[in-house]
Amino acid sequence: MFKELDPLLHSQLRLAIMSLLLGVEEADFVFLKEKTEATSGNLSVQIDKLQEAGYIEVTKTFQGKMPRTVCKITDKGILAFQVYARDLKTYFKELNTENREKGGDVLSN
């Protein structure tokens, strides 16, 4: 019936980070902060969690005297995202099945 969703990806900010990283080769902290509109502290904590899980690689360097953090999704992260998306679809499929049996459509309610 319903698949268990990856709790690490079920967080709105972590899901946003992963979604952004899927579409680019890599992204720096400033880009992720601007796109997600997260605070620096919260974004940093969520990046650490994704890195600890092996979903992203984080490289910290300096550009002149300024620190630069660059994130890149890993193969493990891509697979986890694909599984999460597939499992999430089971919720919609089940809901559509129930609504069709009642003569409706999930999108029309």
C-alpha atoms as a PDB file:
ATOM      1  CA  MET A   1       0.000   0.000   0.000  1.00  0.00           C
ATOM      2  CA  PHE A   2       1.879   3.100   1.193  1.00  0.00           C
ATOM      3  CA  LYS A   3       5.671   3.075   1.083  1.00  0.00           C
ATOM      4  CA  GLU A   4       7.667   4.537   3.949  1.00  0.00           C
ATOM      5  CA  LEU A   5       9.158   7.864   2.890  1.00  0.00           C
ATOM      6  CA  ASP A   6      12.812   8.670   3.589  1.00  0.00           C
ATOM      7  CA  PRO A   7      12.572  10.971   6.638  1.00  0.00           C
ATOM      8  CA  LEU A   8      15.805  12.691   5.645  1.00  0.00           C
ATOM      9  CA  LEU A   9      14.296  13.816   2.342  1.00  0.00           C
ATOM     10  CA  HIS A  10      10.841  14.502   3.739  1.00  0.00           C
ATOM     11  CA  SER A  11      12.065  17.780   5.245  1.00  0.00           C
ATOM     12  CA  GLN A  12      11.043  20.720   3.057  1.00  0.00           C
ATOM     13  CA  LEU A  13      14.462  22.382   3.076  1.00  0.00           C
ATOM     14  CA  ARG A  14      16.454  19.177   2.509  1.00  0.00           C
ATOM     15  CA  LEU A  15      14.089  18.217  -0.313  1.00  0.00           C
ATOM     16  CA  ALA A  16      14.588  21.667  -1.868  1.00  0.00           C
ATOM     17  CA  ILE A  17      18.373  21.348  -1.621  1.00  0.00           C
ATOM     18  CA  MET A  18      18.313  17.931  -3.260  1.00  0.00           C
ATOM     19  CA  SER A  19      15.943  19.134  -5.997  1.00  0.00           C
ATOM     20  CA  LEU A  20      18.227  22.054  -6.802  1.00  0.00           C
ATOM     21  CA  LEU A  21      21.338  19.871  -6.835  1.00  0.00           C
ATOM     22  CA  LEU A  22      19.716  17.420  -9.249  1.00  0.00           C
ATOM     23  CA  GLY A  23      19.520  20.146 -11.862  1.00  0.00           C
ATOM     24  CA  VAL A  24      23.107  21.402 -11.647  1.00  0.00           C
ATOM     25  CA  GLU A  25      26.589  19.920 -11.600  1.00  0.00           C
ATOM     26  CA  GLU A  26      27.284  21.679  -8.294  1.00  0.00           C
ATOM     27  CA  ALA A  27      25.985  24.640  -6.325  1.00  0.00           C
ATOM     28  CA  ASP A  28      27.565  26.936  -3.816  1.00  0.00           C
ATOM     29  CA  PHE A  29      26.109  27.902  -0.470  1.00  0.00           C
ATOM     30  CA  VAL A  30      25.091  31.381  -1.649  1.00  0.00           C
ATOM     31  CA  PHE A  31      23.106  29.946  -4.583  1.00  0.00           C
ATOM     32  CA  LEU A  32      21.318  27.438  -2.326  1.00  0.00           C
ATOM     33  CA  LYS A  33      20.593  30.128   0.266  1.00  0.00           C
ATOM     34  CA  GLU A  34      19.112  32.459  -2.356  1.00  0.00           C
ATOM     35  CA  LYS A  35      16.982  29.763  -3.996  1.00  0.00           C
ATOM     36  CA  THR A  36      15.668  28.234  -0.764  1.00  0.00           C
ATOM     37  CA  GLU A  37      15.371  31.523   1.140  1.00  0.00           C
ATOM     38  CA  ALA A  38      16.703  29.677   4.198  1.00  0.00           C
ATOM     39  CA  THR A  39      18.751  31.253   6.947  1.00  0.00           C
ATOM     40  CA  SER A  40      22.484  30.556   6.832  1.00  0.00           C
ATOM     41  CA  GLY A  41      22.324  28.572  10.075  1.00  0.00           C
ATOM     42  CA  ASN A  42      19.418  26.365   9.033  1.00  0.00           C
ATOM     43  CA  LEU A  43      20.857  25.755   5.572  1.00  0.00           C
ATOM     44  CA  SER A  44      24.211  24.809   7.081  1.00  0.00           C
ATOM     45  CA  VAL A  45      22.603  22.293   9.460  1.00  0.00           C
ATOM     46  CA  GLN A  46      20.561  20.685   6.663  1.00  0.00           C
ATOM     47  CA  ILE A  47      23.595  20.470   4.357  1.00  0.00           C
ATOM     48  CA  ASP A  48      25.499  18.727   7.159  1.00  0.00           C
ATOM     49  CA  LYS A  49      22.684  16.177   7.555  1.00  0.00           C
ATOM     50  CA  LEU A  50      22.639  15.422   3.831  1.00  0.00           C
ATOM     51  CA  GLN A  51      26.420  15.115   3.799  1.00  0.00           C
ATOM     52  CA  GLU A  52      26.424  12.766   6.811  1.00  0.00           C
ATOM     53  CA  ALA A  53      23.928  10.546   4.981  1.00  0.00           C
ATOM     54  CA  GLY A  54      26.193  10.483   1.925  1.00  0.00           C
ATOM     55  CA  TYR A  55      23.564  12.178  -0.241  1.00  0.00           C
ATOM     56  CA  ILE A  56      25.797  15.142  -1.087  1.00  0.00           C
ATOM     57  CA  GLU A  57      29.498  15.960  -1.174  1.00  0.00           C
ATOM     58  CA  VAL A  58      30.609  19.240   0.364  1.00  0.00           C
ATOM     59  CA  THR A  59      33.828  21.003  -0.535  1.00  0.00           C
ATOM     60  CA  LYS A  60      34.993  23.994   1.509  1.00  0.00           C
ATOM     61  CA  THR A  61      37.588  26.286  -0.014  1.00  0.00           C
ATOM     62  CA  PHE A  62      38.538  29.938  -0.009  1.00  0.00           C
ATOM     63  CA  GLN A  63      38.004  32.370  -2.845  1.00  0.00           C
ATOM     64  CA  GLY A  64      40.503  35.030  -1.926  1.00  0.00           C
ATOM     65  CA  LYS A  65      39.816  35.567   1.773  1.00  0.00           C
ATOM     66  CA  MET A  66      36.182  34.517   1.541  1.00  0.00           C
ATOM     67  CA  PRO A  67      35.114  30.969   2.435  1.00  0.00           C
ATOM     68  CA  ARG A  68      33.238  29.087  -0.279  1.00  0.00           C
ATOM     69  CA  THR A  69      31.132  25.986   0.287  1.00  0.00           C
ATOM     70  CA  VAL A  70      30.195  23.942  -2.782  1.00  0.00           C
ATOM     71  CA  CYS A  71      27.698  21.068  -2.750  1.00  0.00           C
ATOM     72  CA  LYS A  72      27.276  18.261  -5.251  1.00  0.00           C
ATOM     73  CA  ILE A  73      24.748  15.443  -5.224  1.00  0.00           C
ATOM     74  CA  THR A  74      26.210  11.924  -5.033  1.00  0.00           C
ATOM     75  CA  ASP A  75      25.071   8.759  -6.787  1.00  0.00           C
ATOM     76  CA  LYS A  76      23.641   7.633  -3.447  1.00  0.00           C
ATOM     77  CA  GLY A  77      21.749  10.936  -3.219  1.00  0.00           C
ATOM     78  CA  ILE A  78      20.354  10.579  -6.733  1.00  0.00           C
ATOM     79  CA  LEU A  79      19.156   7.067  -5.962  1.00  0.00           C
ATOM     80  CA  ALA A  80      17.624   8.156  -2.644  1.00  0.00           C
ATOM     81  CA  PHE A  81      15.782  10.984  -4.415  1.00  0.00           C
ATOM     82  CA  GLN A  82      14.495   8.637  -7.124  1.00  0.00           C
ATOM     83  CA  VAL A  83      13.261   6.151  -4.518  1.00  0.00           C
ATOM     84  CA  TYR A  84      11.639   8.978  -2.528  1.00  0.00           C
ATOM     85  CA  ALA A  85       9.831  10.268  -5.629  1.00  0.00           C
ATOM     86  CA  ARG A  86       8.692   6.756  -6.584  1.00  0.00           C
ATOM     87  CA  ASP A  87       7.437   6.049  -3.078  1.00  0.00           C
ATOM     88  CA  LEU A  88       5.661   9.401  -2.860  1.00  0.00           C
ATOM     89  CA  LYS A  89       3.784   8.548  -6.064  1.00  0.00           C
ATOM     90  CA  THR A  90       2.219   5.559  -4.281  1.00  0.00           C
ATOM     91  CA  TYR A  91       0.344   8.002  -2.053  1.00  0.00           C
ATOM     92  CA  PHE A  92      -1.170   9.767  -5.060  1.00  0.00           C
ATOM     93  CA  LYS A  93      -1.914   6.502  -6.814  1.00  0.00           C
ATOM     94  CA  GLU A  94      -3.773   5.199  -3.764  1.00  0.00           C
ATOM     95  CA  LEU A  95      -5.665   8.481  -3.373  1.00  0.00           C
ATOM     96  CA  ASN A  96      -6.635   8.508  -7.066  1.00  0.00           C
ATOM     97  CA  THR A  97      -7.845   4.900  -6.820  1.00  0.00           C
ATOM     98  CA  GLU A  98     -10.020   5.714  -3.802  1.00  0.00           C
ATOM     99  CA  ASN A  99     -11.447   8.841  -5.444  1.00  0.00           C
ATOM    100  CA  ARG A 100     -12.188   7.049  -8.721  1.00  0.00           C
ATOM    101  CA  GLU A 101     -14.121   4.435  -6.770  1.00  0.00           C
ATOM    102  CA  LYS A 102     -16.179   7.302  -5.354  1.00  0.00           C
ATOM    103  CA  GLY A 103     -16.618   8.826  -8.817  1.00  0.00           C
ATOM    104  CA  GLY A 104     -14.190  11.730  -8.351  1.00  0.00           C
ATOM    105  CA  ASP A 105     -10.657  12.766  -9.147  1.00  0.00           C
ATOM    106  CA  VAL A 106      -8.021  13.857  -6.660  1.00  0.00           C
ATOM    107  CA  LEU A 107      -7.249  16.968  -8.691  1.00  0.00           C
ATOM    108  CA  SER A 108     -10.860  18.087  -9.032  1.00  0.00           C
ATOM    109  CA  ASN A 109     -11.620  18.101  -5.296  1.00  0.00           C
END
